Structures are given as C-alpha cells and as structure tokens.
Amino acid sequence: MTDRDWYDDAAHRDAVRRAERATRFGWAAVTGLSGLFGCALTAVAVVLLGAVVACGYVVVSAHYP
C-alpha cells in the first residue's frame, strides 16, 4: 500500500484537469472546422452567384448586340 491517505484525490484532480483540457481542445477543433466550413460555403455561394450573373450577362448581350 502507498503512503497516501485515503482522502488524497490528486489522481482524480489530475484526471479532471486532463479531461477539461481535452474538452477545450475538442471544442476549439469544432469551432475552427465550423468556421472553415462556413468560409468555404460562402466562397461557393459567391462563385455560383458570379456564374449566374455572368450567364445572365451573356444571355442579355446576345439579345441586344
């Protein structure tokens, strides 16, 4: 048996600290990936909107030379 007292909860505090650190890292990863996904989605929407405007310009300029 070790020389620790029965009420020594240092191992528990250490486990809680590691779990909190892992949770913070997980939420940071989720937040970062969500932000990147949002930026990518916005970029796709802008490109598609530009394509629609360009197609509209081609159609209108074909009718009015």
N, C-alpha and C. Protein backbone atom coordinates (compact mmCIF):
# COMPACT_ATOMS: atom_id res chain seq x y z
N MET A 1 0.83 -1.18 0.00
CA MET A 1 0.00 0.00 0.00
C MET A 1 0.88 1.25 0.00
N THR A 2 0.42 2.29 -0.61
CA THR A 2 1.20 3.53 -0.65
C THR A 2 1.03 4.31 0.63
N ASP A 3 1.81 5.36 0.76
CA ASP A 3 1.74 6.16 1.97
C ASP A 3 0.73 7.30 1.86
N ARG A 4 -0.12 7.26 0.85
CA ARG A 4 -1.14 8.29 0.70
C ARG A 4 -2.30 8.02 1.65
N ASP A 5 -2.95 9.08 2.03
CA ASP A 5 -4.14 8.93 2.86
C ASP A 5 -5.32 8.53 1.99
N TRP A 6 -6.33 8.01 2.59
CA TRP A 6 -7.50 7.55 1.82
C TRP A 6 -8.25 8.71 1.20
N TYR A 7 -8.08 9.92 1.69
CA TYR A 7 -8.80 11.08 1.16
C TYR A 7 -7.97 11.87 0.15
N ASP A 8 -6.83 11.37 -0.24
CA ASP A 8 -5.99 12.05 -1.23
C ASP A 8 -6.61 11.83 -2.61
N ASP A 9 -7.07 12.91 -3.20
CA ASP A 9 -7.71 12.80 -4.52
C ASP A 9 -6.90 13.49 -5.61
N ALA A 10 -5.60 13.46 -5.50
CA ALA A 10 -4.73 14.10 -6.50
C ALA A 10 -4.89 13.45 -7.87
N ALA A 11 -5.04 12.13 -7.90
CA ALA A 11 -5.21 11.45 -9.18
C ALA A 11 -6.52 11.86 -9.83
N HIS A 12 -7.55 12.04 -9.03
CA HIS A 12 -8.84 12.47 -9.56
C HIS A 12 -8.74 13.88 -10.12
N ARG A 13 -8.11 14.79 -9.39
CA ARG A 13 -7.94 16.16 -9.88
C ARG A 13 -7.13 16.18 -11.17
N ASP A 14 -6.12 15.34 -11.25
CA ASP A 14 -5.31 15.27 -12.46
C ASP A 14 -6.14 14.76 -13.64
N ALA A 15 -6.97 13.77 -13.39
CA ALA A 15 -7.83 13.24 -14.46
C ALA A 15 -8.84 14.29 -14.91
N VAL A 16 -9.41 15.02 -13.97
CA VAL A 16 -10.36 16.08 -14.31
C VAL A 16 -9.66 17.17 -15.11
N ARG A 17 -8.45 17.53 -14.73
CA ARG A 17 -7.69 18.55 -15.46
C ARG A 17 -7.42 18.11 -16.90
N ARG A 18 -7.02 16.85 -17.07
CA ARG A 18 -6.76 16.34 -18.43
C ARG A 18 -8.06 16.31 -19.25
N ALA A 19 -9.16 15.91 -18.62
CA ALA A 19 -10.44 15.86 -19.33
C ALA A 19 -10.89 17.26 -19.75
N GLU A 20 -10.70 18.25 -18.87
CA GLU A 20 -11.07 19.62 -19.24
C GLU A 20 -10.21 20.13 -20.38
N ARG A 21 -8.91 19.80 -20.36
CA ARG A 21 -8.02 20.21 -21.43
C ARG A 21 -8.43 19.57 -22.76
N ALA A 22 -8.78 18.28 -22.72
CA ALA A 22 -9.22 17.59 -23.93
C ALA A 22 -10.53 18.17 -24.45
N THR A 23 -11.42 18.54 -23.53
CA THR A 23 -12.70 19.14 -23.93
C THR A 23 -12.48 20.49 -24.60
N ARG A 24 -11.59 21.31 -24.01
CA ARG A 24 -11.29 22.61 -24.63
C ARG A 24 -10.69 22.43 -26.02
N PHE A 25 -9.78 21.47 -26.16
CA PHE A 25 -9.17 21.21 -27.47
C PHE A 25 -10.24 20.75 -28.46
N GLY A 26 -11.14 19.88 -28.01
CA GLY A 26 -12.21 19.39 -28.89
C GLY A 26 -13.11 20.51 -29.37
N TRP A 27 -13.51 21.39 -28.44
CA TRP A 27 -14.38 22.50 -28.84
C TRP A 27 -13.64 23.48 -29.75
N ALA A 28 -12.36 23.67 -29.51
CA ALA A 28 -11.58 24.55 -30.39
C ALA A 28 -11.51 23.96 -31.80
N ALA A 29 -11.35 22.65 -31.89
CA ALA A 29 -11.31 21.99 -33.20
C ALA A 29 -12.66 22.10 -33.90
N VAL A 30 -13.74 21.89 -33.16
CA VAL A 30 -15.08 22.00 -33.75
C VAL A 30 -15.33 23.43 -34.24
N THR A 31 -14.96 24.40 -33.42
CA THR A 31 -15.15 25.80 -33.81
C THR A 31 -14.33 26.15 -35.04
N GLY A 32 -13.08 25.73 -35.07
CA GLY A 32 -12.23 26.03 -36.22
C GLY A 32 -12.73 25.39 -37.50
N LEU A 33 -13.13 24.13 -37.41
CA LEU A 33 -13.62 23.46 -38.61
C LEU A 33 -14.96 24.04 -39.07
N SER A 34 -15.80 24.43 -38.12
CA SER A 34 -17.07 25.06 -38.49
C SER A 34 -16.82 26.39 -39.20
N GLY A 35 -15.86 27.14 -38.70
CA GLY A 35 -15.51 28.41 -39.34
C GLY A 35 -14.97 28.20 -40.75
N LEU A 36 -14.10 27.22 -40.91
CA LEU A 36 -13.58 26.92 -42.24
C LEU A 36 -14.69 26.47 -43.19
N PHE A 37 -15.59 25.63 -42.66
CA PHE A 37 -16.72 25.17 -43.49
C PHE A 37 -17.60 26.34 -43.88
N GLY A 38 -17.84 27.26 -42.96
CA GLY A 38 -18.64 28.44 -43.26
C GLY A 38 -17.99 29.31 -44.32
N CYS A 39 -16.68 29.49 -44.22
CA CYS A 39 -15.96 30.28 -45.23
C CYS A 39 -16.01 29.60 -46.60
N ALA A 40 -15.84 28.30 -46.62
CA ALA A 40 -15.89 27.57 -47.88
C ALA A 40 -17.29 27.65 -48.49
N LEU A 41 -18.31 27.53 -47.65
CA LEU A 41 -19.68 27.62 -48.15
C LEU A 41 -19.98 29.00 -48.71
N THR A 42 -19.48 30.03 -48.03
CA THR A 42 -19.66 31.39 -48.53
C THR A 42 -18.94 31.59 -49.85
N ALA A 43 -17.73 31.05 -49.97
CA ALA A 43 -16.99 31.18 -51.22
C ALA A 43 -17.71 30.48 -52.37
N VAL A 44 -18.26 29.31 -52.11
CA VAL A 44 -19.01 28.59 -53.15
C VAL A 44 -20.23 29.40 -53.57
N ALA A 45 -20.93 29.98 -52.60
CA ALA A 45 -22.11 30.78 -52.92
C ALA A 45 -21.73 32.00 -53.77
N VAL A 46 -20.62 32.65 -53.45
CA VAL A 46 -20.17 33.82 -54.22
C VAL A 46 -19.81 33.41 -55.65
N VAL A 47 -19.13 32.30 -55.80
CA VAL A 47 -18.75 31.82 -57.14
C VAL A 47 -19.99 31.49 -57.95
N LEU A 48 -20.94 30.80 -57.33
CA LEU A 48 -22.18 30.46 -58.05
C LEU A 48 -22.98 31.71 -58.42
N LEU A 49 -23.03 32.68 -57.52
CA LEU A 49 -23.71 33.93 -57.84
C LEU A 49 -23.02 34.64 -58.99
N GLY A 50 -21.69 34.63 -58.99
CA GLY A 50 -20.94 35.23 -60.10
C GLY A 50 -21.21 34.51 -61.41
N ALA A 51 -21.33 33.19 -61.36
CA ALA A 51 -21.64 32.43 -62.57
C ALA A 51 -23.04 32.76 -63.09
N VAL A 52 -24.00 32.92 -62.19
CA VAL A 52 -25.36 33.28 -62.60
C VAL A 52 -25.38 34.66 -63.24
N VAL A 53 -24.66 35.61 -62.64
CA VAL A 53 -24.60 36.96 -63.21
C VAL A 53 -23.92 36.94 -64.56
N ALA A 54 -22.84 36.17 -64.70
CA ALA A 54 -22.13 36.08 -65.98
C ALA A 54 -23.02 35.45 -67.05
N CYS A 55 -23.75 34.41 -66.69
CA CYS A 55 -24.66 33.78 -67.66
C CYS A 55 -25.77 34.75 -68.06
N GLY A 56 -26.28 35.48 -67.09
CA GLY A 56 -27.30 36.49 -67.41
C GLY A 56 -26.76 37.56 -68.33
N TYR A 57 -25.54 37.97 -68.12
CA TYR A 57 -24.92 38.97 -68.99
C TYR A 57 -24.77 38.44 -70.41
N VAL A 58 -24.37 37.18 -70.53
CA VAL A 58 -24.21 36.57 -71.86
C VAL A 58 -25.56 36.50 -72.56
N VAL A 59 -26.58 36.09 -71.87
CA VAL A 59 -27.91 35.97 -72.48
C VAL A 59 -28.42 37.34 -72.90
N VAL A 60 -28.29 38.33 -72.04
CA VAL A 60 -28.79 39.67 -72.37
C VAL A 60 -27.97 40.28 -73.50
N SER A 61 -26.67 40.11 -73.50
CA SER A 61 -25.85 40.71 -74.55
C SER A 61 -26.06 39.99 -75.89
N ALA A 62 -26.51 38.74 -75.87
CA ALA A 62 -26.79 38.01 -77.11
C ALA A 62 -28.08 38.57 -77.75
N HIS A 63 -29.01 39.02 -76.94
CA HIS A 63 -30.26 39.55 -77.47
C HIS A 63 -30.14 41.01 -77.90
N TYR A 64 -29.22 41.74 -77.34
CA TYR A 64 -29.05 43.15 -77.67
C TYR A 64 -27.61 43.39 -78.12
N PRO A 65 -27.32 43.12 -79.38
CA PRO A 65 -25.94 43.29 -79.87
C PRO A 65 -25.49 44.73 -79.99
